[in-house]
Amino acid sequence: MENPHILHFFTPTKNASPFDVNMALDAGFDAVVPYTNVVLDDIVGLTQDAIFSRGPKGVKRTGIFLGGRELDLSTDMLEAARRAMVPPFEASVFADPSGAYTTAAAMVAAVEKALKPNVASLAGLKVVVFGGTGPVGACAAMLAAGAGARATVCSHVSVERAQAVATMCSTRYGQQVAAARAGDRDERRRLAADADVILATGKAGVQLLDRSDLAQAKSLLVAADVNAVPPEGIEGVGVMHNAVPLEAGSGRAVGIGALAIGNVKYKVQRGLFESMIRTEKPLYLDFRDAFARARELLA
């Protein structure tokens, strides 16, 4: 009898995400073991405890999943887990804090698909991310920038908060992202008026843009919203919308809603878990791998 596929789930939060546990089991792992309140200094010891107990063959049936909420900490944990490996004792590791990597990847890939056939790619387009200082917004901005867009992250609180995220994107991940404040109607409308693509990645149940804001968006091609809880993050973009025409100022914009994005996110996350099970060589998966998978799914 072969050894079971075991996934060790390390998270700095007090609870492991039930969503992620369900996804891993449905993807084919036989067991998922959560470890909560994990700090960065714990990663090396936990990783080596996981890899040395099963032998070189058994370690291929061992995986590590990194949760949490912070991009920087998730990256640090992924790097720490990689350094802790001692070949041939080496397991695959997948980071997806709060589902931000797979959600952002699905969102940006869905936007790319909606742009075609009229626009070849995101290259040169202005992408404005409202509610962009959280992990999904920051990751979406980096993916858009990496695809050639001129991306801006917006904070409704302060430009300094947005600038902190933009600086992280540049210094840590090498992606140039601009920062802006979107705290009042005039600021929101000014940003919307200049956008080719609008991404809404704010908190659930918070409306970031209304119809009158969209009426100012004279260049808008696509608006995408990850909020599935009423009211809509972008008024007029329904949760089921998948490239549905919008009443925006440009007259040619389409909307992509949370469930359309979520369907892709689900397939991306499941696919990455499945790749950990199938692989003969260890994988180290982050938002770039999630984006590659989302693009494949939507090609």
C-alpha atoms as a PDB file:
ATOM      1  CA  MET A   1       0.000   0.000   0.000  1.00  0.00           C
ATOM      2  CA  GLU A   2       1.363   3.377  -0.980  1.00  0.00           C
ATOM      3  CA  ASN A   3       1.828   6.129   1.550  1.00  0.00           C
ATOM      4  CA  PRO A   4      -1.078   8.597   1.714  1.00  0.00           C
ATOM      5  CA  HIS A   5      -0.832  12.075   0.264  1.00  0.00           C
ATOM      6  CA  ILE A   6      -0.522  14.389   3.263  1.00  0.00           C
ATOM      7  CA  LEU A   7      -0.780  18.192   3.163  1.00  0.00           C
ATOM      8  CA  HIS A   8       0.616  20.158   6.103  1.00  0.00           C
ATOM      9  CA  PHE A   9      -1.220  23.492   6.338  1.00  0.00           C
ATOM     10  CA  PHE A  10       0.820  26.226   8.045  1.00  0.00           C
ATOM     11  CA  THR A  11      -0.964  29.502   8.810  1.00  0.00           C
ATOM     12  CA  PRO A  12      -0.129  32.480  11.033  1.00  0.00           C
ATOM     13  CA  THR A  13      -3.849  33.006  11.731  1.00  0.00           C
ATOM     14  CA  LYS A  14      -5.700  31.443  14.646  1.00  0.00           C
ATOM     15  CA  ASN A  15      -7.804  29.269  12.320  1.00  0.00           C
ATOM     16  CA  ALA A  16      -7.049  27.329   9.155  1.00  0.00           C
ATOM     17  CA  SER A  17      -9.359  28.238   6.287  1.00  0.00           C
ATOM     18  CA  PRO A  18     -12.113  25.605   5.839  1.00  0.00           C
ATOM     19  CA  PHE A  19     -12.252  26.619   2.165  1.00  0.00           C
ATOM     20  CA  ASP A  20      -8.614  25.679   1.648  1.00  0.00           C
ATOM     21  CA  VAL A  21      -8.996  22.420   3.589  1.00  0.00           C
ATOM     22  CA  ASN A  22     -11.975  21.411   1.434  1.00  0.00           C
ATOM     23  CA  MET A  23     -10.134  22.354  -1.758  1.00  0.00           C
ATOM     24  CA  ALA A  24      -7.079  20.274  -0.868  1.00  0.00           C
ATOM     25  CA  LEU A  25      -9.098  17.195   0.033  1.00  0.00           C
ATOM     26  CA  ASP A  26     -11.265  17.490  -3.077  1.00  0.00           C
ATOM     27  CA  ALA A  27      -8.110  17.797  -5.188  1.00  0.00           C
ATOM     28  CA  GLY A  28      -6.903  14.419  -3.965  1.00  0.00           C
ATOM     29  CA  PHE A  29      -4.941  14.823  -0.719  1.00  0.00           C
ATOM     30  CA  ASP A  30      -5.810  12.022   1.691  1.00  0.00           C
ATOM     31  CA  ALA A  31      -5.254  14.139   4.785  1.00  0.00           C
ATOM     32  CA  VAL A  32      -4.844  17.841   5.592  1.00  0.00           C
ATOM     33  CA  VAL A  33      -3.231  18.716   8.906  1.00  0.00           C
ATOM     34  CA  PRO A  34      -3.576  22.349  10.095  1.00  0.00           C
ATOM     35  CA  TYR A  35      -0.996  24.209  12.192  1.00  0.00           C
ATOM     36  CA  THR A  36      -2.252  27.589  13.416  1.00  0.00           C
ATOM     37  CA  ASN A  37      -0.575  30.666  14.901  1.00  0.00           C
ATOM     38  CA  VAL A  38       2.601  29.709  13.033  1.00  0.00           C
ATOM     39  CA  VAL A  39       5.316  32.364  12.997  1.00  0.00           C
ATOM     40  CA  LEU A  40       8.128  32.690  10.467  1.00  0.00           C
ATOM     41  CA  ASP A  41      10.698  31.187  12.836  1.00  0.00           C
ATOM     42  CA  ASP A  42       8.599  28.001  13.052  1.00  0.00           C
ATOM     43  CA  ILE A  43       8.752  27.230   9.331  1.00  0.00           C
ATOM     44  CA  VAL A  44      12.172  25.583   9.126  1.00  0.00           C
ATOM     45  CA  GLY A  45      11.507  23.228  12.036  1.00  0.00           C
ATOM     46  CA  LEU A  46       8.004  22.296  10.873  1.00  0.00           C
ATOM     47  CA  THR A  47       9.183  21.745   7.302  1.00  0.00           C
ATOM     48  CA  GLN A  48      12.054  19.497   8.290  1.00  0.00           C
ATOM     49  CA  ASP A  49       9.804  17.575  10.664  1.00  0.00           C
ATOM     50  CA  ALA A  50       7.487  16.932   7.718  1.00  0.00           C
ATOM     51  CA  ILE A  51      10.111  15.859   5.173  1.00  0.00           C
ATOM     52  CA  PHE A  52      12.430  13.613   7.190  1.00  0.00           C
ATOM     53  CA  SER A  53       9.792  11.189   8.517  1.00  0.00           C
ATOM     54  CA  ARG A  54       8.760   9.539   5.226  1.00  0.00           C
ATOM     55  CA  GLY A  55      11.913   8.782   3.240  1.00  0.00           C
ATOM     56  CA  PRO A  56      12.798  10.101  -0.236  1.00  0.00           C
ATOM     57  CA  LYS A  57       9.804   8.329  -1.828  1.00  0.00           C
ATOM     58  CA  GLY A  58       7.318   9.260   0.868  1.00  0.00           C
ATOM     59  CA  VAL A  59       8.313  12.917   0.802  1.00  0.00           C
ATOM     60  CA  LYS A  60       7.036  13.096  -2.786  1.00  0.00           C
ATOM     61  CA  ARG A  61       3.597  12.390  -1.317  1.00  0.00           C
ATOM     62  CA  THR A  62       3.977  15.219   1.185  1.00  0.00           C
ATOM     63  CA  GLY A  63       2.969  18.829   0.549  1.00  0.00           C
ATOM     64  CA  ILE A  64       2.998  22.113   2.446  1.00  0.00           C
ATOM     65  CA  PHE A  65       0.367  24.838   2.077  1.00  0.00           C
ATOM     66  CA  LEU A  66       0.942  28.358   3.412  1.00  0.00           C
ATOM     67  CA  GLY A  67      -2.063  30.461   4.415  1.00  0.00           C
ATOM     68  CA  GLY A  68      -2.386  33.729   6.324  1.00  0.00           C
ATOM     69  CA  ARG A  69      -3.262  37.213   5.136  1.00  0.00           C
ATOM     70  CA  GLU A  70      -0.022  39.063   4.374  1.00  0.00           C
ATOM     71  CA  LEU A  71       1.835  38.882   1.063  1.00  0.00           C
ATOM     72  CA  ASP A  72       5.246  39.680   2.491  1.00  0.00           C
ATOM     73  CA  LEU A  73       4.936  37.122   5.279  1.00  0.00           C
ATOM     74  CA  SER A  74       3.696  34.482   2.843  1.00  0.00           C
ATOM     75  CA  THR A  75       6.692  35.121   0.596  1.00  0.00           C
ATOM     76  CA  ASP A  76       9.053  34.930   3.576  1.00  0.00           C
ATOM     77  CA  MET A  77       7.500  31.627   4.651  1.00  0.00           C
ATOM     78  CA  LEU A  78       7.750  30.190   1.150  1.00  0.00           C
ATOM     79  CA  GLU A  79      11.419  31.127   0.969  1.00  0.00           C
ATOM     80  CA  ALA A  80      12.053  29.729   4.450  1.00  0.00           C
ATOM     81  CA  ALA A  81      10.403  26.424   3.522  1.00  0.00           C
ATOM     82  CA  ARG A  82      12.490  26.196   0.343  1.00  0.00           C
ATOM     83  CA  ARG A  83      15.717  26.810   2.288  1.00  0.00           C
ATOM     84  CA  ALA A  84      14.716  24.141   4.829  1.00  0.00           C
ATOM     85  CA  MET A  85      14.646  21.372   2.223  1.00  0.00           C
ATOM     86  CA  VAL A  86      17.497  18.850   2.169  1.00  0.00           C
ATOM     87  CA  PRO A  87      17.449  17.011  -1.189  1.00  0.00           C
ATOM     88  CA  PRO A  88      16.364  14.312  -1.784  1.00  0.00           C
ATOM     89  CA  PHE A  89      14.070  15.151   1.135  1.00  0.00           C
ATOM     90  CA  GLU A  90      12.132  17.897  -0.629  1.00  0.00           C
ATOM     91  CA  ALA A  91       8.350  18.482  -0.647  1.00  0.00           C
ATOM     92  CA  SER A  92       6.225  20.800  -2.779  1.00  0.00           C
ATOM     93  CA  VAL A  93       5.067  24.093  -1.240  1.00  0.00           C
ATOM     94  CA  PHE A  94       2.077  26.232  -2.274  1.00  0.00           C
ATOM     95  CA  ALA A  95       1.442  29.730  -0.877  1.00  0.00           C
ATOM     96  CA  ASP A  96      -1.980  31.366  -1.216  1.00  0.00           C
ATOM     97  CA  PRO A  97      -2.635  33.791   1.676  1.00  0.00           C
ATOM     98  CA  SER A  98      -6.399  34.342   2.095  1.00  0.00           C
ATOM     99  CA  GLY A  99      -6.787  32.959  -1.411  1.00  0.00           C
ATOM    100  CA  ALA A 100      -5.303  36.230  -2.657  1.00  0.00           C
ATOM    101  CA  TYR A 101      -2.936  34.682  -5.186  1.00  0.00           C
ATOM    102  CA  THR A 102      -5.508  32.486  -6.891  1.00  0.00           C
ATOM    103  CA  THR A 103      -8.244  35.153  -6.732  1.00  0.00           C
ATOM    104  CA  ALA A 104      -6.049  37.896  -8.188  1.00  0.00           C
ATOM    105  CA  ALA A 105      -4.759  35.527 -10.861  1.00  0.00           C
ATOM    106  CA  ALA A 106      -8.303  34.575 -11.869  1.00  0.00           C
ATOM    107  CA  MET A 107      -9.385  38.215 -11.916  1.00  0.00           C
ATOM    108  CA  VAL A 108      -6.582  39.502 -14.127  1.00  0.00           C
ATOM    109  CA  ALA A 109      -6.743  36.514 -16.480  1.00  0.00           C
ATOM    110  CA  ALA A 110     -10.512  37.015 -16.846  1.00  0.00           C
ATOM    111  CA  VAL A 111      -9.923  40.674 -17.697  1.00  0.00           C
ATOM    112  CA  GLU A 112      -7.374  39.692 -20.348  1.00  0.00           C
ATOM    113  CA  LYS A 113      -9.903  37.333 -21.915  1.00  0.00           C
ATOM    114  CA  ALA A 114     -12.656  39.974 -21.851  1.00  0.00           C
ATOM    115  CA  LEU A 115     -10.407  42.459 -23.659  1.00  0.00           C
ATOM    116  CA  LYS A 116     -10.006  40.174 -26.664  1.00  0.00           C
ATOM    117  CA  PRO A 117     -10.403  40.242 -29.630  1.00  0.00           C
ATOM    118  CA  ASN A 118     -10.534  44.054 -29.638  1.00  0.00           C
ATOM    119  CA  VAL A 119      -7.432  44.561 -27.487  1.00  0.00           C
ATOM    120  CA  ALA A 120      -4.514  42.145 -27.690  1.00  0.00           C
ATOM    121  CA  SER A 121      -3.289  42.462 -24.102  1.00  0.00           C
ATOM    122  CA  LEU A 122      -3.035  44.624 -20.999  1.00  0.00           C
ATOM    123  CA  ALA A 123       0.182  46.191 -22.291  1.00  0.00           C
ATOM    124  CA  GLY A 124      -0.026  49.964 -22.109  1.00  0.00           C
ATOM    125  CA  LEU A 125      -3.501  50.040 -20.549  1.00  0.00           C
ATOM    126  CA  LYS A 126      -4.294  52.007 -17.392  1.00  0.00           C
ATOM    127  CA  VAL A 127      -5.486  49.629 -14.667  1.00  0.00           C
ATOM    128  CA  VAL A 128      -6.898  51.206 -11.499  1.00  0.00           C
ATOM    129  CA  VAL A 129      -7.395  48.965  -8.457  1.00  0.00           C
ATOM    130  CA  PHE A 130      -9.944  50.363  -6.001  1.00  0.00           C
ATOM    131  CA  GLY A 131      -9.652  48.923  -2.517  1.00  0.00           C
ATOM    132  CA  GLY A 132      -6.201  47.948  -3.658  1.00  0.00           C
ATOM    133  CA  THR A 133      -4.224  47.868  -0.409  1.00  0.00           C
ATOM    134  CA  GLY A 134      -5.330  44.387   0.635  1.00  0.00           C
ATOM    135  CA  PRO A 135      -3.620  41.194  -0.536  1.00  0.00           C
ATOM    136  CA  VAL A 136      -5.926  40.597  -3.525  1.00  0.00           C
ATOM    137  CA  GLY A 137      -5.605  44.181  -4.743  1.00  0.00           C
ATOM    138  CA  ALA A 138      -1.852  44.319  -4.342  1.00  0.00           C
ATOM    139  CA  CYS A 139      -1.401  40.994  -6.095  1.00  0.00           C
ATOM    140  CA  ALA A 140      -3.765  41.975  -8.934  1.00  0.00           C
ATOM    141  CA  ALA A 141      -1.871  45.230  -9.443  1.00  0.00           C
ATOM    142  CA  MET A 142       1.439  43.351  -9.652  1.00  0.00           C
ATOM    143  CA  LEU A 143       0.069  40.847 -12.143  1.00  0.00           C
ATOM    144  CA  ALA A 144      -1.355  43.633 -14.300  1.00  0.00           C
ATOM    145  CA  ALA A 145       1.930  45.531 -14.140  1.00  0.00           C
ATOM    146  CA  GLY A 146       3.812  42.376 -15.030  1.00  0.00           C
ATOM    147  CA  ALA A 147       1.573  42.043 -18.089  1.00  0.00           C
ATOM    148  CA  GLY A 148       2.610  45.532 -19.218  1.00  0.00           C
ATOM    149  CA  ALA A 149      -0.199  47.636 -17.764  1.00  0.00           C
ATOM    150  CA  ARG A 150       0.210  50.949 -15.970  1.00  0.00           C
ATOM    151  CA  ALA A 151      -1.291  49.886 -12.653  1.00  0.00           C
ATOM    152  CA  THR A 152      -2.413  52.086  -9.758  1.00  0.00           C
ATOM    153  CA  VAL A 153      -3.462  50.913  -6.293  1.00  0.00           C
ATOM    154  CA  CYS A 154      -5.966  53.118  -4.491  1.00  0.00           C
ATOM    155  CA  SER A 155      -6.735  53.549  -0.813  1.00  0.00           C
ATOM    156  CA  HIS A 156      -9.837  55.294   0.490  1.00  0.00           C
ATOM    157  CA  VAL A 157      -7.901  56.125   3.667  1.00  0.00           C
ATOM    158  CA  SER A 158      -4.710  57.848   2.510  1.00  0.00           C
ATOM    159  CA  VAL A 159      -2.237  58.060  -0.319  1.00  0.00           C
ATOM    160  CA  GLU A 160       0.463  57.034   2.168  1.00  0.00           C
ATOM    161  CA  ARG A 161      -1.238  53.683   2.696  1.00  0.00           C
ATOM    162  CA  ALA A 162      -1.437  53.123  -1.041  1.00  0.00           C
ATOM    163  CA  GLN A 163       2.173  54.206  -1.445  1.00  0.00           C
ATOM    164  CA  ALA A 164       3.312  51.632   1.124  1.00  0.00           C
ATOM    165  CA  VAL A 165       1.754  48.896  -1.022  1.00  0.00           C
ATOM    166  CA  ALA A 166       3.225  50.354  -4.225  1.00  0.00           C
ATOM    167  CA  THR A 167       6.674  50.461  -2.609  1.00  0.00           C
ATOM    168  CA  MET A 168       6.348  46.811  -1.547  1.00  0.00           C
ATOM    169  CA  CYS A 169       5.397  45.848  -5.104  1.00  0.00           C
ATOM    170  CA  SER A 170       8.492  47.576  -6.430  1.00  0.00           C
ATOM    171  CA  THR A 171      11.127  46.709  -3.854  1.00  0.00           C
ATOM    172  CA  ARG A 172      10.037  43.148  -3.076  1.00  0.00           C
ATOM    173  CA  TYR A 173       8.617  41.951  -6.379  1.00  0.00           C
ATOM    174  CA  GLY A 174      10.099  44.252  -9.002  1.00  0.00           C
ATOM    175  CA  GLN A 175       6.753  45.562 -10.309  1.00  0.00           C
ATOM    176  CA  GLN A 176       6.266  49.306 -10.757  1.00  0.00           C
ATOM    177  CA  VAL A 177       2.858  50.287  -9.383  1.00  0.00           C
ATOM    178  CA  ALA A 178       1.532  53.810  -8.777  1.00  0.00           C
ATOM    179  CA  ALA A 179      -0.409  54.942  -5.697  1.00  0.00           C
ATOM    180  CA  ALA A 180      -3.470  57.155  -5.266  1.00  0.00           C
ATOM    181  CA  ARG A 181      -6.122  58.140  -2.747  1.00  0.00           C
ATOM    182  CA  ALA A 182      -9.762  57.450  -3.609  1.00  0.00           C
ATOM    183  CA  GLY A 183     -11.403  58.806  -0.487  1.00  0.00           C
ATOM    184  CA  ASP A 184     -14.056  61.081  -1.928  1.00  0.00           C
ATOM    185  CA  ARG A 185     -16.262  61.278  -5.011  1.00  0.00           C
ATOM    186  CA  ASP A 186     -14.051  63.723  -6.889  1.00  0.00           C
ATOM    187  CA  GLU A 187     -10.995  61.492  -6.408  1.00  0.00           C
ATOM    188  CA  ARG A 188     -12.896  58.354  -7.426  1.00  0.00           C
ATOM    189  CA  ARG A 189     -14.268  59.997 -10.545  1.00  0.00           C
ATOM    190  CA  ARG A 190     -10.902  61.405 -11.555  1.00  0.00           C
ATOM    191  CA  LEU A 191      -9.344  57.942 -11.305  1.00  0.00           C
ATOM    192  CA  ALA A 192     -12.256  56.246 -13.084  1.00  0.00           C
ATOM    193  CA  ALA A 193     -12.175  58.777 -15.896  1.00  0.00           C
ATOM    194  CA  ASP A 194      -8.572  57.850 -16.663  1.00  0.00           C
ATOM    195  CA  ALA A 195      -8.959  54.056 -16.467  1.00  0.00           C
ATOM    196  CA  ASP A 196      -9.083  51.472 -19.214  1.00  0.00           C
ATOM    197  CA  VAL A 197      -9.632  48.724 -16.651  1.00  0.00           C
ATOM    198  CA  ILE A 198     -11.130  49.029 -13.168  1.00  0.00           C
ATOM    199  CA  LEU A 199     -10.622  46.337 -10.553  1.00  0.00           C
ATOM    200  CA  ALA A 200     -12.598  46.396  -7.290  1.00  0.00           C
ATOM    201  CA  THR A 201     -10.924  44.392  -4.529  1.00  0.00           C
ATOM    202  CA  GLY A 202     -12.366  45.989  -1.408  1.00  0.00           C
ATOM    203  CA  LYS A 203     -14.037  44.426   1.615  1.00  0.00           C
ATOM    204  CA  ALA A 204     -17.157  42.335   1.170  1.00  0.00           C
ATOM    205  CA  GLY A 205     -20.361  44.366   1.220  1.00  0.00           C
ATOM    206  CA  VAL A 206     -18.648  47.710   0.536  1.00  0.00           C
ATOM    207  CA  GLN A 207     -19.534  49.624  -2.631  1.00  0.00           C
ATOM    208  CA  LEU A 208     -16.495  51.382  -4.064  1.00  0.00           C
ATOM    209  CA  LEU A 209     -18.001  52.876  -7.249  1.00  0.00           C
ATOM    210  CA  ASP A 210     -21.592  53.710  -8.168  1.00  0.00           C
ATOM    211  CA  ARG A 211     -23.217  54.174 -11.571  1.00  0.00           C
ATOM    212  CA  SER A 212     -22.520  57.892 -11.583  1.00  0.00           C
ATOM    213  CA  ASP A 213     -18.821  57.189 -11.036  1.00  0.00           C
ATOM    214  CA  LEU A 214     -18.809  54.759 -13.969  1.00  0.00           C
ATOM    215  CA  ALA A 215     -20.495  57.389 -16.117  1.00  0.00           C
ATOM    216  CA  GLN A 216     -17.223  59.336 -15.921  1.00  0.00           C
ATOM    217  CA  ALA A 217     -15.208  56.374 -17.231  1.00  0.00           C
ATOM    218  CA  LYS A 218     -14.962  57.460 -20.849  1.00  0.00           C
ATOM    219  CA  SER A 219     -12.141  55.047 -21.694  1.00  0.00           C
ATOM    220  CA  LEU A 220     -13.350  52.032 -19.726  1.00  0.00           C
ATOM    221  CA  LEU A 221     -13.095  48.620 -21.376  1.00  0.00           C
ATOM    222  CA  VAL A 222     -13.512  46.199 -18.448  1.00  0.00           C
ATOM    223  CA  ALA A 223     -14.650  46.507 -14.820  1.00  0.00           C
ATOM    224  CA  ALA A 224     -14.157  43.501 -12.533  1.00  0.00           C
ATOM    225  CA  ASP A 225     -15.363  43.053  -8.961  1.00  0.00           C
ATOM    226  CA  VAL A 226     -14.506  40.293  -6.451  1.00  0.00           C
ATOM    227  CA  ASN A 227     -17.199  41.279  -3.934  1.00  0.00           C
ATOM    228  CA  ALA A 228     -19.960  38.649  -3.762  1.00  0.00           C
ATOM    229  CA  VAL A 229     -21.804  40.257  -0.807  1.00  0.00           C
ATOM    230  CA  PRO A 230     -24.439  42.975  -1.464  1.00  0.00           C
ATOM    231  CA  PRO A 231     -24.099  45.760  -2.298  1.00  0.00           C
ATOM    232  CA  GLU A 232     -21.936  45.264  -5.388  1.00  0.00           C
ATOM    233  CA  GLY A 233     -18.402  46.625  -5.162  1.00  0.00           C
ATOM    234  CA  ILE A 234     -19.066  48.282  -8.526  1.00  0.00           C
ATOM    235  CA  GLU A 235     -22.715  49.158  -9.009  1.00  0.00           C
ATOM    236  CA  GLY A 236     -24.109  47.409 -12.066  1.00  0.00           C
ATOM    237  CA  VAL A 237     -21.560  44.574 -12.095  1.00  0.00           C
ATOM    238  CA  GLY A 238     -23.564  41.546 -10.996  1.00  0.00           C
ATOM    239  CA  VAL A 239     -21.917  38.593  -9.314  1.00  0.00           C
ATOM    240  CA  MET A 240     -22.757  36.325 -12.266  1.00  0.00           C
ATOM    241  CA  HIS A 241     -21.623  38.747 -14.970  1.00  0.00           C
ATOM    242  CA  ASN A 242     -19.002  37.403 -17.340  1.00  0.00           C
ATOM    243  CA  ALA A 243     -18.130  40.105 -19.900  1.00  0.00           C
ATOM    244  CA  VAL A 244     -21.674  41.551 -19.709  1.00  0.00           C
ATOM    245  CA  PRO A 245     -22.076  45.054 -21.268  1.00  0.00           C
ATOM    246  CA  LEU A 246     -22.108  47.900 -18.738  1.00  0.00           C
ATOM    247  CA  GLU A 247     -23.792  51.286 -18.694  1.00  0.00           C
ATOM    248  CA  ALA A 248     -20.474  53.086 -18.434  1.00  0.00           C
ATOM    249  CA  GLY A 249     -19.338  56.338 -19.971  1.00  0.00           C
ATOM    250  CA  SER A 250     -17.359  54.673 -22.727  1.00  0.00           C
ATOM    251  CA  GLY A 251     -20.345  52.779 -24.117  1.00  0.00           C
ATOM    252  CA  ARG A 252     -18.152  49.725 -24.786  1.00  0.00           C
ATOM    253  CA  ALA A 253     -17.266  48.436 -21.329  1.00  0.00           C
ATOM    254  CA  VAL A 254     -18.078  44.987 -19.970  1.00  0.00           C
ATOM    255  CA  GLY A 255     -18.307  43.746 -16.398  1.00  0.00           C
ATOM    256  CA  ILE A 256     -16.976  40.628 -14.680  1.00  0.00           C
ATOM    257  CA  GLY A 257     -18.534  39.633 -11.367  1.00  0.00           C
ATOM    258  CA  ALA A 258     -17.368  37.795  -8.277  1.00  0.00           C
ATOM    259  CA  LEU A 259     -18.786  34.366  -9.092  1.00  0.00           C
ATOM    260  CA  ALA A 260     -17.378  34.401 -12.630  1.00  0.00           C
ATOM    261  CA  ILE A 261     -13.966  35.183 -11.125  1.00  0.00           C
ATOM    262  CA  GLY A 262     -14.530  32.690  -8.319  1.00  0.00           C
ATOM    263  CA  ASN A 263     -15.201  29.871 -10.773  1.00  0.00           C
ATOM    264  CA  VAL A 264     -11.770  30.406 -12.327  1.00  0.00           C
ATOM    265  CA  LYS A 265     -10.135  30.837  -8.905  1.00  0.00           C
ATOM    266  CA  TYR A 266     -11.593  27.493  -7.800  1.00  0.00           C
ATOM    267  CA  LYS A 267     -10.186  25.708 -10.854  1.00  0.00           C
ATOM    268  CA  VAL A 268      -6.784  27.383 -10.439  1.00  0.00           C
ATOM    269  CA  GLN A 269      -6.425  26.427  -6.789  1.00  0.00           C
ATOM    270  CA  ARG A 270      -7.598  22.880  -7.362  1.00  0.00           C
ATOM    271  CA  GLY A 271      -5.263  22.537 -10.339  1.00  0.00           C
ATOM    272  CA  LEU A 272      -2.260  23.677  -8.326  1.00  0.00           C
ATOM    273  CA  PHE A 273      -3.084  21.236  -5.535  1.00  0.00           C
ATOM    274  CA  GLU A 274      -3.384  18.467  -8.124  1.00  0.00           C
ATOM    275  CA  SER A 275      -0.004  19.418  -9.595  1.00  0.00           C
ATOM    276  CA  MET A 276       1.566  18.947  -6.142  1.00  0.00           C
ATOM    277  CA  ILE A 277       0.191  15.425  -6.054  1.00  0.00           C
ATOM    278  CA  ARG A 278       1.274  14.504  -9.592  1.00  0.00           C
ATOM    279  CA  THR A 279       4.730  16.053  -9.713  1.00  0.00           C
ATOM    280  CA  GLU A 280       7.943  14.041  -9.579  1.00  0.00           C
ATOM    281  CA  LYS A 281       9.963  17.162  -8.759  1.00  0.00           C
ATOM    282  CA  PRO A 282       9.179  19.580  -5.924  1.00  0.00           C
ATOM    283  CA  LEU A 283       7.165  22.667  -6.818  1.00  0.00           C
ATOM    284  CA  TYR A 284       7.236  26.084  -5.160  1.00  0.00           C
ATOM    285  CA  LEU A 285       3.998  27.806  -6.128  1.00  0.00           C
ATOM    286  CA  ASP A 286       2.983  31.446  -5.700  1.00  0.00           C
ATOM    287  CA  PHE A 287       0.909  34.094  -7.526  1.00  0.00           C
ATOM    288  CA  ARG A 288       2.962  33.791 -10.712  1.00  0.00           C
ATOM    289  CA  ASP A 289       2.157  30.099 -10.993  1.00  0.00           C
ATOM    290  CA  ALA A 290      -1.496  30.826 -10.215  1.00  0.00           C
ATOM    291  CA  PHE A 291      -1.594  33.399 -13.021  1.00  0.00           C
ATOM    292  CA  ALA A 292      -0.003  31.009 -15.505  1.00  0.00           C
ATOM    293  CA  ARG A 293      -2.614  28.383 -14.637  1.00  0.00           C
ATOM    294  CA  ALA A 294      -5.488  30.892 -14.916  1.00  0.00           C
ATOM    295  CA  ARG A 295      -4.274  31.964 -18.348  1.00  0.00           C
ATOM    296  CA  GLU A 296      -4.123  28.338 -19.460  1.00  0.00           C
ATOM    297  CA  LEU A 297      -7.678  27.738 -18.300  1.00  0.00           C
ATOM    298  CA  LEU A 298      -9.001  30.778 -20.126  1.00  0.00           C
ATOM    299  CA  ALA A 299      -6.935  30.441 -23.291  1.00  0.00           C
END
